[in-house]
Amino acid sequence: MKHLGLLQKGETAVISGILHNCPAEIRQRLLDLGFVKGTRVRIENISPLKDPVAYRIHHTQISLRREDASYIEIEINENEE
């Protein structure tokens, strides 16, 4: 399974969960921000140094460090542009 940190700019994915090894405080923050199972997410922008990355989720743009994004499991949606 892929994780959100591997998503490329312009790709769309569906969140399938948060990894079990995710620290509790990061897990809660991700859930509070809307990174929940079944939610569509898309990369909007990548900073010049490749970290952080801006994701579009629920009509909101949220920036995450790649390290935190690596805890989010995704399924790539090949049919989206």
PDB file of N, CA and C in Angstrom:
ATOM      1  N   MET A   1       0.847  -1.181   0.000  1.00  0.00           N
ATOM      2  CA  MET A   1       0.000   0.000   0.000  1.00  0.00           C
ATOM      3  C   MET A   1       0.893   1.246   0.000  1.00  0.00           C
ATOM      4  N   LYS A   2       0.458   2.257  -0.706  1.00  0.00           N
ATOM      5  CA  LYS A   2       1.203   3.517  -0.789  1.00  0.00           C
ATOM      6  C   LYS A   2       0.816   4.436   0.369  1.00  0.00           C
ATOM      7  N   HIS A   3       1.695   5.399   0.618  1.00  0.00           N
ATOM      8  CA  HIS A   3       1.362   6.407   1.621  1.00  0.00           C
ATOM      9  C   HIS A   3       1.350   7.781   0.966  1.00  0.00           C
ATOM     10  N   LEU A   4       0.722   8.727   1.622  1.00  0.00           N
ATOM     11  CA  LEU A   4       0.482  10.059   1.070  1.00  0.00           C
ATOM     12  C   LEU A   4       1.768  10.781   0.687  1.00  0.00           C
ATOM     13  N   GLY A   5       2.858  10.505   1.371  1.00  0.00           N
ATOM     14  CA  GLY A   5       4.130  11.143   1.060  1.00  0.00           C
ATOM     15  C   GLY A   5       4.669  10.791  -0.314  1.00  0.00           C
ATOM     16  N   LEU A   6       4.147   9.735  -0.941  1.00  0.00           N
ATOM     17  CA  LEU A   6       4.597   9.305  -2.268  1.00  0.00           C
ATOM     18  C   LEU A   6       3.743   9.861  -3.401  1.00  0.00           C
ATOM     19  N   LEU A   7       2.636  10.515  -3.074  1.00  0.00           N
ATOM     20  CA  LEU A   7       1.744  11.068  -4.089  1.00  0.00           C
ATOM     21  C   LEU A   7       2.456  12.166  -4.876  1.00  0.00           C
ATOM     22  N   GLN A   8       2.239  12.213  -6.180  1.00  0.00           N
ATOM     23  CA  GLN A   8       2.867  13.206  -7.049  1.00  0.00           C
ATOM     24  C   GLN A   8       1.905  14.369  -7.292  1.00  0.00           C
ATOM     25  N   LYS A   9       2.465  15.527  -7.636  1.00  0.00           N
ATOM     26  CA  LYS A   9       1.647  16.716  -7.873  1.00  0.00           C
ATOM     27  C   LYS A   9       0.598  16.438  -8.944  1.00  0.00           C
ATOM     28  N   GLY A  10      -0.646  16.787  -8.641  1.00  0.00           N
ATOM     29  CA  GLY A  10      -1.751  16.600  -9.565  1.00  0.00           C
ATOM     30  C   GLY A  10      -2.464  15.268  -9.413  1.00  0.00           C
ATOM     31  N   GLU A  11      -1.864  14.304  -8.714  1.00  0.00           N
ATOM     32  CA  GLU A  11      -2.517  13.012  -8.517  1.00  0.00           C
ATOM     33  C   GLU A  11      -3.587  13.132  -7.432  1.00  0.00           C
ATOM     34  N   THR A  12      -4.608  12.318  -7.567  1.00  0.00           N
ATOM     35  CA  THR A  12      -5.676  12.250  -6.575  1.00  0.00           C
ATOM     36  C   THR A  12      -5.676  10.857  -5.970  1.00  0.00           C
ATOM     37  N   ALA A  13      -5.935  10.790  -4.685  1.00  0.00           N
ATOM     38  CA  ALA A  13      -5.977   9.505  -3.994  1.00  0.00           C
ATOM     39  C   ALA A  13      -7.130   9.513  -2.999  1.00  0.00           C
ATOM     40  N   VAL A  14      -7.432   8.330  -2.490  1.00  0.00           N
ATOM     41  CA  VAL A  14      -8.430   8.177  -1.437  1.00  0.00           C
ATOM     42  C   VAL A  14      -7.701   7.638  -0.209  1.00  0.00           C
ATOM     43  N   ILE A  15      -7.951   8.244   0.919  1.00  0.00           N
ATOM     44  CA  ILE A  15      -7.309   7.814   2.162  1.00  0.00           C
ATOM     45  C   ILE A  15      -7.909   6.485   2.599  1.00  0.00           C
ATOM     46  N   SER A  16      -7.030   5.518   2.887  1.00  0.00           N
ATOM     47  CA  SER A  16      -7.509   4.218   3.342  1.00  0.00           C
ATOM     48  C   SER A  16      -7.244   3.989   4.827  1.00  0.00           C
ATOM     49  N   GLY A  17      -6.513   4.901   5.461  1.00  0.00           N
ATOM     50  CA  GLY A  17      -6.298   4.784   6.903  1.00  0.00           C
ATOM     51  C   GLY A  17      -5.023   5.466   7.345  1.00  0.00           C
ATOM     52  N   ILE A  18      -4.767   5.385   8.635  1.00  0.00           N
ATOM     53  CA  ILE A  18      -3.537   5.914   9.222  1.00  0.00           C
ATOM     54  C   ILE A  18      -2.780   4.726   9.799  1.00  0.00           C
ATOM     55  N   LEU A  19      -1.488   4.665   9.534  1.00  0.00           N
ATOM     56  CA  LEU A  19      -0.669   3.539   9.977  1.00  0.00           C
ATOM     57  C   LEU A  19      -0.689   3.389  11.498  1.00  0.00           C
ATOM     58  N   HIS A  20      -0.583   2.147  11.960  1.00  0.00           N
ATOM     59  CA  HIS A  20      -0.630   1.861  13.395  1.00  0.00           C
ATOM     60  C   HIS A  20       0.577   2.404  14.149  1.00  0.00           C
ATOM     61  N   ASN A  21       1.705   2.595  13.443  1.00  0.00           N
ATOM     62  CA  ASN A  21       2.903   3.103  14.121  1.00  0.00           C
ATOM     63  C   ASN A  21       2.932   4.630  14.209  1.00  0.00           C
ATOM     64  N   CYS A  22       1.868   5.276  13.814  1.00  0.00           N
ATOM     65  CA  CYS A  22       1.768   6.737  13.896  1.00  0.00           C
ATOM     66  C   CYS A  22       1.637   7.148  15.366  1.00  0.00           C
ATOM     67  N   PRO A  23       2.479   8.074  15.832  1.00  0.00           N
ATOM     68  CA  PRO A  23       2.345   8.549  17.215  1.00  0.00           C
ATOM     69  C   PRO A  23       0.945   9.122  17.476  1.00  0.00           C
ATOM     70  N   ALA A  24       0.446   8.917  18.676  1.00  0.00           N
ATOM     71  CA  ALA A  24      -0.932   9.289  19.019  1.00  0.00           C
ATOM     72  C   ALA A  24      -1.231  10.761  18.764  1.00  0.00           C
ATOM     73  N   GLU A  25      -0.297  11.654  19.102  1.00  0.00           N
ATOM     74  CA  GLU A  25      -0.566  13.086  18.927  1.00  0.00           C
ATOM     75  C   GLU A  25      -0.628  13.467  17.447  1.00  0.00           C
ATOM     76  N   ILE A  26       0.165  12.808  16.614  1.00  0.00           N
ATOM     77  CA  ILE A  26       0.118  13.078  15.172  1.00  0.00           C
ATOM     78  C   ILE A  26      -1.150  12.484  14.579  1.00  0.00           C
ATOM     79  N   ARG A  27      -1.513  11.265  15.007  1.00  0.00           N
ATOM     80  CA  ARG A  27      -2.752  10.623  14.539  1.00  0.00           C
ATOM     81  C   ARG A  27      -3.949  11.527  14.813  1.00  0.00           C
ATOM     82  N   GLN A  28      -4.043  12.051  16.035  1.00  0.00           N
ATOM     83  CA  GLN A  28      -5.179  12.903  16.391  1.00  0.00           C
ATOM     84  C   GLN A  28      -5.195  14.174  15.556  1.00  0.00           C
ATOM     85  N   ARG A  29      -4.031  14.767  15.343  1.00  0.00           N
ATOM     86  CA  ARG A  29      -3.945  15.989  14.530  1.00  0.00           C
ATOM     87  C   ARG A  29      -4.408  15.718  13.106  1.00  0.00           C
ATOM     88  N   LEU A  30      -3.959  14.604  12.520  1.00  0.00           N
ATOM     89  CA  LEU A  30      -4.355  14.260  11.153  1.00  0.00           C
ATOM     90  C   LEU A  30      -5.862  14.045  11.061  1.00  0.00           C
ATOM     91  N   LEU A  31      -6.424  13.344  12.035  1.00  0.00           N
ATOM     92  CA  LEU A  31      -7.871  13.120  12.045  1.00  0.00           C
ATOM     93  C   LEU A  31      -8.627  14.437  12.204  1.00  0.00           C
ATOM     94  N   ASP A  32      -8.143  15.306  13.087  1.00  0.00           N
ATOM     95  CA  ASP A  32      -8.785  16.611  13.296  1.00  0.00           C
ATOM     96  C   ASP A  32      -8.755  17.467  12.035  1.00  0.00           C
ATOM     97  N   LEU A  33      -7.699  17.316  11.226  1.00  0.00           N
ATOM     98  CA  LEU A  33      -7.581  18.077   9.979  1.00  0.00           C
ATOM     99  C   LEU A  33      -8.446  17.496   8.856  1.00  0.00           C
ATOM    100  N   GLY A  34      -9.016  16.294   9.064  1.00  0.00           N
ATOM    101  CA  GLY A  34      -9.897  15.703   8.061  1.00  0.00           C
ATOM    102  C   GLY A  34      -9.294  14.568   7.264  1.00  0.00           C
ATOM    103  N   PHE A  35      -8.121  14.102   7.635  1.00  0.00           N
ATOM    104  CA  PHE A  35      -7.482  12.992   6.927  1.00  0.00           C
ATOM    105  C   PHE A  35      -8.046  11.674   7.448  1.00  0.00           C
ATOM    106  N   VAL A  36      -9.295  11.382   7.058  1.00  0.00           N
ATOM    107  CA  VAL A  36      -9.996  10.190   7.524  1.00  0.00           C
ATOM    108  C   VAL A  36     -10.268   9.250   6.354  1.00  0.00           C
ATOM    109  N   LYS A  37     -10.481   7.985   6.685  1.00  0.00           N
ATOM    110  CA  LYS A  37     -10.714   6.944   5.685  1.00  0.00           C
ATOM    111  C   LYS A  37     -11.845   7.340   4.737  1.00  0.00           C
ATOM    112  N   GLY A  38     -11.601   7.152   3.436  1.00  0.00           N
ATOM    113  CA  GLY A  38     -12.602   7.428   2.417  1.00  0.00           C
ATOM    114  C   GLY A  38     -12.555   8.835   1.843  1.00  0.00           C
ATOM    115  N   THR A  39     -11.720   9.699   2.400  1.00  0.00           N
ATOM    116  CA  THR A  39     -11.629  11.087   1.952  1.00  0.00           C
ATOM    117  C   THR A  39     -10.691  11.212   0.760  1.00  0.00           C
ATOM    118  N   ARG A  40     -11.117  11.985  -0.247  1.00  0.00           N
ATOM    119  CA  ARG A  40     -10.257  12.257  -1.410  1.00  0.00           C
ATOM    120  C   ARG A  40      -9.255  13.337  -1.056  1.00  0.00           C
ATOM    121  N   VAL A  41      -8.031  13.164  -1.552  1.00  0.00           N
ATOM    122  CA  VAL A  41      -6.957  14.124  -1.294  1.00  0.00           C
ATOM    123  C   VAL A  41      -6.140  14.293  -2.569  1.00  0.00           C
ATOM    124  N   ARG A  42      -5.654  15.509  -2.775  1.00  0.00           N
ATOM    125  CA  ARG A  42      -4.891  15.830  -3.985  1.00  0.00           C
ATOM    126  C   ARG A  42      -3.757  16.784  -3.614  1.00  0.00           C
ATOM    127  N   ILE A  43      -2.598  16.605  -4.240  1.00  0.00           N
ATOM    128  CA  ILE A  43      -1.490  17.543  -4.023  1.00  0.00           C
ATOM    129  C   ILE A  43      -1.757  18.792  -4.833  1.00  0.00           C
ATOM    130  N   GLU A  44      -1.709  19.932  -4.166  1.00  0.00           N
ATOM    131  CA  GLU A  44      -1.902  21.225  -4.815  1.00  0.00           C
ATOM    132  C   GLU A  44      -0.576  21.901  -5.121  1.00  0.00           C
ATOM    133  N   ASN A  45       0.378  21.799  -4.197  1.00  0.00           N
ATOM    134  CA  ASN A  45       1.641  22.508  -4.371  1.00  0.00           C
ATOM    135  C   ASN A  45       2.725  21.832  -3.543  1.00  0.00           C
ATOM    136  N   ILE A  46       3.950  21.883  -4.062  1.00  0.00           N
ATOM    137  CA  ILE A  46       5.109  21.352  -3.351  1.00  0.00           C
ATOM    138  C   ILE A  46       6.088  22.503  -3.168  1.00  0.00           C
ATOM    139  N   SER A  47       6.548  22.706  -1.955  1.00  0.00           N
ATOM    140  CA  SER A  47       7.474  23.811  -1.692  1.00  0.00           C
ATOM    141  C   SER A  47       8.794  23.585  -2.435  1.00  0.00           C
ATOM    142  N   PRO A  48       9.556  24.648  -2.669  1.00  0.00           N
ATOM    143  CA  PRO A  48      10.805  24.531  -3.429  1.00  0.00           C
ATOM    144  C   PRO A  48      11.788  23.504  -2.860  1.00  0.00           C
ATOM    145  N   LEU A  49      11.791  23.314  -1.547  1.00  0.00           N
ATOM    146  CA  LEU A  49      12.685  22.324  -0.938  1.00  0.00           C
ATOM    147  C   LEU A  49      11.999  20.970  -0.745  1.00  0.00           C
ATOM    148  N   LYS A  50      10.823  20.799  -1.373  1.00  0.00           N
ATOM    149  CA  LYS A  50      10.039  19.552  -1.362  1.00  0.00           C
ATOM    150  C   LYS A  50       9.347  19.241  -0.035  1.00  0.00           C
ATOM    151  N   ASP A  51       9.417  20.138   0.925  1.00  0.00           N
ATOM    152  CA  ASP A  51       8.786  19.904   2.206  1.00  0.00           C
ATOM    153  C   ASP A  51       8.502  21.251   2.861  1.00  0.00           C
ATOM    154  N   PRO A  52       7.302  21.588   3.256  1.00  0.00           N
ATOM    155  CA  PRO A  52       6.100  20.768   3.269  1.00  0.00           C
ATOM    156  C   PRO A  52       5.400  20.719   1.910  1.00  0.00           C
ATOM    157  N   VAL A  53       4.306  19.960   1.889  1.00  0.00           N
ATOM    158  CA  VAL A  53       3.492  19.786   0.690  1.00  0.00           C
ATOM    159  C   VAL A  53       2.074  20.253   1.013  1.00  0.00           C
ATOM    160  N   ALA A  54       1.453  20.973   0.083  1.00  0.00           N
ATOM    161  CA  ALA A  54       0.076  21.446   0.263  1.00  0.00           C
ATOM    162  C   ALA A  54      -0.884  20.449  -0.378  1.00  0.00           C
ATOM    163  N   TYR A  55      -1.836  19.973   0.415  1.00  0.00           N
ATOM    164  CA  TYR A  55      -2.835  19.006  -0.045  1.00  0.00           C
ATOM    165  C   TYR A  55      -4.201  19.670  -0.064  1.00  0.00           C
ATOM    166  N   ARG A  56      -5.043  19.284  -1.017  1.00  0.00           N
ATOM    167  CA  ARG A  56      -6.433  19.748  -1.091  1.00  0.00           C
ATOM    168  C   ARG A  56      -7.290  18.633  -0.508  1.00  0.00           C
ATOM    169  N   ILE A  57      -8.033  18.975   0.544  1.00  0.00           N
ATOM    170  CA  ILE A  57      -8.904  18.012   1.200  1.00  0.00           C
ATOM    171  C   ILE A  57     -10.144  18.763   1.688  1.00  0.00           C
ATOM    172  N   HIS A  58     -11.321  18.279   1.354  1.00  0.00           N
ATOM    173  CA  HIS A  58     -12.582  18.932   1.754  1.00  0.00           C
ATOM    174  C   HIS A  58     -12.596  20.419   1.385  1.00  0.00           C
ATOM    175  N   HIS A  59     -12.209  20.770   0.188  1.00  0.00           N
ATOM    176  CA  HIS A  59     -12.201  22.155  -0.303  1.00  0.00           C
ATOM    177  C   HIS A  59     -11.274  23.070   0.500  1.00  0.00           C
ATOM    178  N   THR A  60     -10.321  22.483   1.200  1.00  0.00           N
ATOM    179  CA  THR A  60      -9.372  23.241   2.007  1.00  0.00           C
ATOM    180  C   THR A  60      -7.959  22.822   1.638  1.00  0.00           C
ATOM    181  N   GLN A  61      -7.051  23.770   1.630  1.00  0.00           N
ATOM    182  CA  GLN A  61      -5.648  23.459   1.369  1.00  0.00           C
ATOM    183  C   GLN A  61      -4.917  23.365   2.707  1.00  0.00           C
ATOM    184  N   ILE A  62      -4.275  22.220   2.949  1.00  0.00           N
ATOM    185  CA  ILE A  62      -3.574  21.964   4.203  1.00  0.00           C
ATOM    186  C   ILE A  62      -2.150  21.538   3.886  1.00  0.00           C
ATOM    187  N   SER A  63      -1.183  22.146   4.550  1.00  0.00           N
ATOM    188  CA  SER A  63       0.220  21.776   4.352  1.00  0.00           C
ATOM    189  C   SER A  63       0.659  20.799   5.436  1.00  0.00           C
ATOM    190  N   LEU A  64       1.341  19.744   4.986  1.00  0.00           N
ATOM    191  CA  LEU A  64       1.889  18.743   5.900  1.00  0.00           C
ATOM    192  C   LEU A  64       3.344  18.488   5.557  1.00  0.00           C
ATOM    193  N   ARG A  65       4.121  18.165   6.574  1.00  0.00           N
ATOM    194  CA  ARG A  65       5.475  17.685   6.319  1.00  0.00           C
ATOM    195  C   ARG A  65       5.368  16.287   5.720  1.00  0.00           C
ATOM    196  N   ARG A  66       6.292  15.948   4.842  1.00  0.00           N
ATOM    197  CA  ARG A  66       6.275  14.614   4.229  1.00  0.00           C
ATOM    198  C   ARG A  66       6.358  13.515   5.286  1.00  0.00           C
ATOM    199  N   GLU A  67       7.087  13.784   6.366  1.00  0.00           N
ATOM    200  CA  GLU A  67       7.200  12.798   7.442  1.00  0.00           C
ATOM    201  C   GLU A  67       5.821  12.462   8.016  1.00  0.00           C
ATOM    202  N   ASP A  68       4.999  13.488   8.262  1.00  0.00           N
ATOM    203  CA  ASP A  68       3.651  13.257   8.782  1.00  0.00           C
ATOM    204  C   ASP A  68       2.759  12.614   7.726  1.00  0.00           C
ATOM    205  N   ALA A  69       2.909  13.023   6.477  1.00  0.00           N
ATOM    206  CA  ALA A  69       2.107  12.455   5.388  1.00  0.00           C
ATOM    207  C   ALA A  69       2.406  10.974   5.183  1.00  0.00           C
ATOM    208  N   SER A  70       3.598  10.541   5.561  1.00  0.00           N
ATOM    209  CA  SER A  70       3.973   9.137   5.359  1.00  0.00           C
ATOM    210  C   SER A  70       3.187   8.188   6.258  1.00  0.00           C
ATOM    211  N   TYR A  71       2.492   8.696   7.259  1.00  0.00           N
ATOM    212  CA  TYR A  71       1.657   7.865   8.129  1.00  0.00           C
ATOM    213  C   TYR A  71       0.269   7.613   7.539  1.00  0.00           C
ATOM    214  N   ILE A  72      -0.082   8.293   6.442  1.00  0.00           N
ATOM    215  CA  ILE A  72      -1.421   8.189   5.866  1.00  0.00           C
ATOM    216  C   ILE A  72      -1.397   7.236   4.682  1.00  0.00           C
ATOM    217  N   GLU A  73      -2.118   6.124   4.795  1.00  0.00           N
ATOM    218  CA  GLU A  73      -2.218   5.150   3.709  1.00  0.00           C
ATOM    219  C   GLU A  73      -3.220   5.650   2.673  1.00  0.00           C
ATOM    220  N   ILE A  74      -2.886   5.434   1.396  1.00  0.00           N
ATOM    221  CA  ILE A  74      -3.766   5.895   0.317  1.00  0.00           C
ATOM    222  C   ILE A  74      -3.924   4.826  -0.747  1.00  0.00           C
ATOM    223  N   GLU A  75      -4.954   5.002  -1.543  1.00  0.00           N
ATOM    224  CA  GLU A  75      -5.156   4.253  -2.777  1.00  0.00           C
ATOM    225  C   GLU A  75      -5.223   5.288  -3.886  1.00  0.00           C
ATOM    226  N   ILE A  76      -4.342   5.140  -4.881  1.00  0.00           N
ATOM    227  CA  ILE A  76      -4.310   6.084  -6.001  1.00  0.00           C
ATOM    228  C   ILE A  76      -5.547   5.875  -6.858  1.00  0.00           C
ATOM    229  N   ASN A  77      -6.197   6.979  -7.232  1.00  0.00           N
ATOM    230  CA  ASN A  77      -7.357   6.929  -8.115  1.00  0.00           C
ATOM    231  C   ASN A  77      -6.868   7.228  -9.523  1.00  0.00           C
ATOM    232  N   GLU A  78      -6.660   6.193 -10.326  1.00  0.00           N
ATOM    233  CA  GLU A  78      -6.103   6.330 -11.672  1.00  0.00           C
ATOM    234  C   GLU A  78      -7.033   7.078 -12.625  1.00  0.00           C
ATOM    235  N   ASN A  79      -8.328   7.133 -12.332  1.00  0.00           N
ATOM    236  CA  ASN A  79      -9.299   7.736 -13.248  1.00  0.00           C
ATOM    237  C   ASN A  79      -9.418   9.243 -13.097  1.00  0.00           C
ATOM    238  N   GLU A  80      -8.807   9.809 -12.066  1.00  0.00           N
ATOM    239  CA  GLU A  80      -8.884  11.255 -11.844  1.00  0.00           C
ATOM    240  C   GLU A  80      -7.784  11.941 -12.620  1.00  0.00           C
ATOM    241  N   GLU A  81      -7.979  13.211 -12.987  1.00  0.00           N
ATOM    242  CA  GLU A  81      -6.920  13.970 -13.647  1.00  0.00           C
ATOM    243  C   GLU A  81      -6.137  14.765 -12.654  1.00  0.00           C
TER     244      GLU A  81
END
